[in-house]
């Protein structure tokens, strides 16, 4: 998933409570919302198990989307020519804080 598509959904989450953000992502009908939701759920579970922070007190400080590797492919078009395709990947980083 390209970083641009992920950043469009990530903008909605900054500053919200973690539970509220997770429930909000379930109603956004995009693949990027599902991927960010998985990362948010993992971050919430890590905060609860590793740092003994209750999930109700977590706030989303930020969601950082960074570009990852690109798979280079080619799309055949007319007259024996091909156009380059870059299948972009991303790194999703969720930053939570206790309120």
N, C-alpha and C. Protein backbone atom coordinates (compact mmCIF):
# COMPACT_ATOMS: atom_id res chain seq x y z
N UNK A 1 0.86 -1.17 0.00
CA UNK A 1 0.00 0.00 0.00
C UNK A 1 0.90 1.24 0.00
N UNK A 2 0.58 2.20 -0.82
CA UNK A 2 1.44 3.37 -0.95
C UNK A 2 1.31 4.28 0.28
N UNK A 3 2.37 5.01 0.59
CA UNK A 3 2.33 5.92 1.74
C UNK A 3 1.26 7.00 1.60
N UNK A 4 1.02 7.46 0.39
CA UNK A 4 0.02 8.51 0.18
C UNK A 4 -1.37 8.04 0.61
N UNK A 5 -1.74 6.83 0.22
CA UNK A 5 -3.06 6.29 0.57
C UNK A 5 -3.18 6.07 2.08
N UNK A 6 -2.10 5.63 2.72
CA UNK A 6 -2.13 5.41 4.16
C UNK A 6 -2.21 6.72 4.93
N UNK A 7 -1.50 7.74 4.45
CA UNK A 7 -1.51 9.04 5.15
C UNK A 7 -2.88 9.69 5.14
N UNK A 8 -3.67 9.45 4.10
CA UNK A 8 -5.02 10.02 4.05
C UNK A 8 -5.88 9.53 5.22
N UNK A 9 -5.72 8.28 5.60
CA UNK A 9 -6.49 7.73 6.72
C UNK A 9 -5.83 8.09 8.05
N UNK A 10 -4.50 8.15 8.07
CA UNK A 10 -3.78 8.41 9.32
C UNK A 10 -4.06 9.81 9.86
N UNK A 11 -4.36 10.76 8.98
CA UNK A 11 -4.67 12.13 9.42
C UNK A 11 -5.87 12.19 10.35
N UNK A 12 -6.80 11.26 10.19
CA UNK A 12 -8.04 11.26 10.97
C UNK A 12 -7.77 10.90 12.43
N UNK A 13 -6.71 10.14 12.70
CA UNK A 13 -6.51 9.54 14.02
C UNK A 13 -5.76 10.41 15.02
N UNK A 14 -4.95 11.33 14.60
CA UNK A 14 -4.07 12.07 15.52
C UNK A 14 -4.88 12.82 16.57
N UNK A 15 -4.49 12.61 17.84
CA UNK A 15 -5.13 13.30 18.95
C UNK A 15 -6.35 12.62 19.53
N UNK A 16 -6.77 11.53 18.96
CA UNK A 16 -7.96 10.82 19.47
C UNK A 16 -7.55 9.77 20.49
N UNK A 17 -8.53 9.34 21.29
CA UNK A 17 -8.30 8.22 22.19
C UNK A 17 -8.12 6.96 21.36
N UNK A 18 -7.35 6.02 21.86
CA UNK A 18 -7.01 4.82 21.09
C UNK A 18 -8.25 3.97 20.79
N UNK A 19 -9.13 3.81 21.78
CA UNK A 19 -10.35 3.02 21.54
C UNK A 19 -11.26 3.69 20.53
N UNK A 20 -11.36 5.01 20.63
CA UNK A 20 -12.20 5.76 19.69
C UNK A 20 -11.64 5.66 18.27
N UNK A 21 -10.32 5.77 18.15
CA UNK A 21 -9.69 5.66 16.84
C UNK A 21 -9.86 4.29 16.22
N UNK A 22 -9.76 3.25 17.06
CA UNK A 22 -9.93 1.89 16.55
C UNK A 22 -11.35 1.66 16.05
N UNK A 23 -12.34 2.15 16.79
CA UNK A 23 -13.73 1.98 16.35
C UNK A 23 -14.02 2.84 15.13
N UNK A 24 -13.38 4.00 15.02
CA UNK A 24 -13.57 4.85 13.86
C UNK A 24 -13.03 4.19 12.59
N UNK A 25 -11.91 3.50 12.71
CA UNK A 25 -11.30 2.85 11.55
C UNK A 25 -12.17 1.73 10.99
N UNK A 26 -13.00 1.13 11.83
CA UNK A 26 -13.85 0.04 11.37
C UNK A 26 -14.93 0.52 10.40
N UNK A 27 -15.24 1.82 10.41
CA UNK A 27 -16.28 2.36 9.55
C UNK A 27 -15.72 3.06 8.31
N UNK A 28 -14.41 3.09 8.17
CA UNK A 28 -13.80 3.64 6.96
C UNK A 28 -13.58 2.49 5.99
N UNK A 29 -14.21 2.56 4.83
CA UNK A 29 -14.20 1.44 3.88
C UNK A 29 -13.01 1.54 2.94
N UNK A 30 -11.80 1.42 3.49
CA UNK A 30 -10.59 1.43 2.69
C UNK A 30 -9.64 0.37 3.23
N UNK A 31 -8.82 -0.18 2.36
CA UNK A 31 -7.85 -1.18 2.78
C UNK A 31 -6.83 -0.56 3.74
N UNK A 32 -6.49 0.71 3.52
CA UNK A 32 -5.51 1.38 4.38
C UNK A 32 -6.04 1.50 5.80
N UNK A 33 -7.34 1.67 5.99
CA UNK A 33 -7.92 1.74 7.33
C UNK A 33 -7.77 0.40 8.05
N UNK A 34 -7.92 -0.69 7.31
CA UNK A 34 -7.76 -2.02 7.91
C UNK A 34 -6.32 -2.25 8.34
N UNK A 35 -5.36 -1.83 7.52
CA UNK A 35 -3.95 -2.03 7.85
C UNK A 35 -3.51 -1.16 9.04
N UNK A 36 -3.96 0.08 9.07
CA UNK A 36 -3.64 0.95 10.21
C UNK A 36 -4.32 0.45 11.47
N UNK A 37 -5.54 -0.10 11.33
CA UNK A 37 -6.24 -0.67 12.47
C UNK A 37 -5.49 -1.84 13.09
N UNK A 38 -4.87 -2.67 12.25
CA UNK A 38 -4.09 -3.79 12.78
C UNK A 38 -2.87 -3.28 13.55
N UNK A 39 -2.22 -2.25 13.02
CA UNK A 39 -1.04 -1.69 13.70
C UNK A 39 -1.45 -1.02 15.01
N UNK A 40 -2.60 -0.32 15.02
CA UNK A 40 -3.09 0.33 16.24
C UNK A 40 -3.46 -0.70 17.29
N UNK A 41 -4.12 -1.76 16.89
CA UNK A 41 -4.50 -2.82 17.83
C UNK A 41 -3.26 -3.47 18.45
N UNK A 42 -2.23 -3.68 17.64
CA UNK A 42 -0.98 -4.25 18.13
C UNK A 42 -0.29 -3.30 19.11
N UNK A 43 -0.30 -2.00 18.81
CA UNK A 43 0.32 -1.02 19.70
C UNK A 43 -0.42 -0.95 21.03
N UNK A 44 -1.74 -1.04 20.99
CA UNK A 44 -2.53 -1.01 22.22
C UNK A 44 -2.22 -2.25 23.07
N UNK A 45 -2.13 -3.41 22.45
CA UNK A 45 -1.83 -4.65 23.18
C UNK A 45 -0.42 -4.60 23.77
N UNK A 46 0.53 -4.05 23.03
CA UNK A 46 1.90 -3.93 23.53
C UNK A 46 1.97 -2.99 24.73
N UNK A 47 1.25 -1.88 24.67
CA UNK A 47 1.25 -0.93 25.79
C UNK A 47 0.65 -1.56 27.03
N UNK A 48 -0.39 -2.36 26.83
CA UNK A 48 -1.06 -2.99 27.98
C UNK A 48 -0.20 -4.09 28.59
N UNK A 49 0.40 -4.92 27.75
CA UNK A 49 1.14 -6.06 28.30
C UNK A 49 2.55 -5.71 28.73
N UNK A 50 3.24 -4.84 27.99
CA UNK A 50 4.64 -4.54 28.32
C UNK A 50 4.80 -3.43 29.36
N UNK A 51 3.89 -2.45 29.35
CA UNK A 51 4.05 -1.29 30.22
C UNK A 51 2.95 -1.15 31.26
N UNK A 52 2.02 -2.11 31.32
CA UNK A 52 0.91 -2.13 32.29
C UNK A 52 0.10 -0.83 32.27
N UNK A 53 -0.16 -0.32 31.08
CA UNK A 53 -0.97 0.89 30.91
C UNK A 53 -2.38 0.45 30.51
N UNK A 54 -3.42 0.92 31.22
CA UNK A 54 -4.78 0.53 30.82
C UNK A 54 -5.12 1.10 29.44
N UNK A 55 -5.82 0.32 28.65
CA UNK A 55 -6.14 0.71 27.28
C UNK A 55 -7.03 1.94 27.24
N UNK A 56 -7.87 2.13 28.26
CA UNK A 56 -8.79 3.27 28.28
C UNK A 56 -8.06 4.60 28.38
N UNK A 57 -6.83 4.60 28.88
CA UNK A 57 -6.12 5.87 29.06
C UNK A 57 -5.16 6.19 27.92
N UNK A 58 -5.15 5.38 26.87
CA UNK A 58 -4.21 5.60 25.77
C UNK A 58 -4.75 6.62 24.77
N UNK A 59 -3.86 7.51 24.33
CA UNK A 59 -4.19 8.52 23.33
C UNK A 59 -3.20 8.37 22.17
N UNK A 60 -3.69 8.56 20.96
CA UNK A 60 -2.83 8.44 19.78
C UNK A 60 -2.09 9.77 19.59
N UNK A 61 -0.78 9.75 19.84
CA UNK A 61 0.04 10.94 19.63
C UNK A 61 0.33 11.16 18.16
N UNK A 62 0.50 10.09 17.43
CA UNK A 62 0.78 10.22 16.01
C UNK A 62 0.82 8.89 15.31
N UNK A 63 0.59 8.96 14.03
CA UNK A 63 0.73 7.79 13.17
C UNK A 63 1.71 8.19 12.08
N UNK A 64 2.88 7.58 12.08
CA UNK A 64 3.92 7.94 11.12
C UNK A 64 3.95 6.90 10.01
N UNK A 65 3.79 7.37 8.79
CA UNK A 65 3.81 6.50 7.62
C UNK A 65 5.07 6.84 6.83
N UNK A 66 5.94 5.86 6.68
CA UNK A 66 7.17 6.06 5.93
C UNK A 66 7.19 5.13 4.73
N UNK A 67 7.80 5.59 3.68
CA UNK A 67 7.90 4.77 2.47
C UNK A 67 8.83 3.60 2.67
N UNK A 68 8.48 2.47 2.13
CA UNK A 68 9.30 1.29 2.22
C UNK A 68 9.91 0.96 0.87
N UNK A 69 10.12 -0.30 0.63
CA UNK A 69 10.72 -0.72 -0.63
C UNK A 69 9.70 -0.61 -1.77
N UNK A 70 10.20 -0.59 -2.98
CA UNK A 70 9.34 -0.54 -4.16
C UNK A 70 9.63 -1.74 -5.04
N UNK A 71 8.58 -2.47 -5.39
CA UNK A 71 8.72 -3.54 -6.36
C UNK A 71 8.58 -2.93 -7.75
N UNK A 72 9.56 -3.14 -8.58
CA UNK A 72 9.51 -2.55 -9.92
C UNK A 72 8.98 -3.60 -10.90
N UNK A 73 7.89 -3.24 -11.56
CA UNK A 73 7.25 -4.09 -12.55
C UNK A 73 7.05 -3.28 -13.83
N UNK A 74 6.64 -3.97 -14.89
CA UNK A 74 6.38 -3.29 -16.15
C UNK A 74 5.01 -3.69 -16.67
N UNK A 75 4.31 -2.70 -17.23
CA UNK A 75 2.99 -2.91 -17.80
C UNK A 75 3.10 -2.84 -19.31
N UNK A 76 2.80 -3.93 -20.02
CA UNK A 76 2.89 -3.87 -21.48
C UNK A 76 1.78 -3.00 -22.08
N UNK A 77 2.17 -2.15 -23.01
CA UNK A 77 1.20 -1.29 -23.71
C UNK A 77 1.42 -1.46 -25.21
N UNK A 78 0.79 -0.62 -26.00
CA UNK A 78 0.79 -0.75 -27.46
C UNK A 78 2.18 -0.62 -28.07
N UNK A 79 2.32 -1.19 -29.24
CA UNK A 79 3.52 -1.11 -30.07
C UNK A 79 4.77 -1.70 -29.42
N UNK A 80 4.60 -2.72 -28.60
CA UNK A 80 5.73 -3.41 -28.00
C UNK A 80 6.46 -2.61 -26.93
N UNK A 81 5.82 -1.61 -26.39
CA UNK A 81 6.43 -0.75 -25.37
C UNK A 81 5.90 -1.17 -24.01
N UNK A 82 6.63 -0.86 -22.96
CA UNK A 82 6.13 -1.13 -21.60
C UNK A 82 6.34 0.10 -20.74
N UNK A 83 5.40 0.33 -19.84
CA UNK A 83 5.50 1.43 -18.89
C UNK A 83 5.92 0.88 -17.53
N UNK A 84 6.78 1.59 -16.83
CA UNK A 84 7.21 1.10 -15.51
C UNK A 84 6.10 1.27 -14.47
N UNK A 85 5.99 0.29 -13.60
CA UNK A 85 5.09 0.36 -12.45
C UNK A 85 5.93 0.23 -11.19
N UNK A 86 5.61 1.03 -10.20
CA UNK A 86 6.28 0.92 -8.90
C UNK A 86 5.23 0.55 -7.87
N UNK A 87 5.30 -0.69 -7.38
CA UNK A 87 4.37 -1.13 -6.34
C UNK A 87 4.97 -0.75 -5.01
N UNK A 88 4.44 0.30 -4.42
CA UNK A 88 5.04 0.88 -3.23
C UNK A 88 4.60 0.15 -1.96
N UNK A 89 5.52 0.04 -1.02
CA UNK A 89 5.24 -0.52 0.30
C UNK A 89 5.46 0.57 1.34
N UNK A 90 4.98 0.37 2.55
CA UNK A 90 5.07 1.40 3.59
C UNK A 90 5.38 0.78 4.94
N UNK A 91 5.92 1.62 5.81
CA UNK A 91 6.13 1.26 7.21
C UNK A 91 5.16 2.10 8.04
N UNK A 92 4.38 1.44 8.90
CA UNK A 92 3.40 2.13 9.74
C UNK A 92 3.91 2.12 11.17
N UNK A 93 4.02 3.31 11.77
CA UNK A 93 4.45 3.43 13.16
C UNK A 93 3.38 4.20 13.93
N UNK A 94 2.82 3.58 14.98
CA UNK A 94 1.80 4.20 15.81
C UNK A 94 2.43 4.61 17.15
N UNK A 95 2.26 5.87 17.52
CA UNK A 95 2.82 6.38 18.77
C UNK A 95 1.66 6.66 19.73
N UNK A 96 1.67 5.97 20.87
CA UNK A 96 0.62 6.13 21.88
C UNK A 96 1.22 6.75 23.14
N UNK A 97 0.38 7.48 23.87
CA UNK A 97 0.79 7.99 25.17
C UNK A 97 -0.34 7.78 26.16
N UNK A 98 0.01 7.69 27.43
CA UNK A 98 -0.98 7.53 28.48
C UNK A 98 -1.48 8.90 28.91
N UNK A 99 -2.78 9.03 29.01
CA UNK A 99 -3.35 10.32 29.40
C UNK A 99 -3.50 10.39 30.89
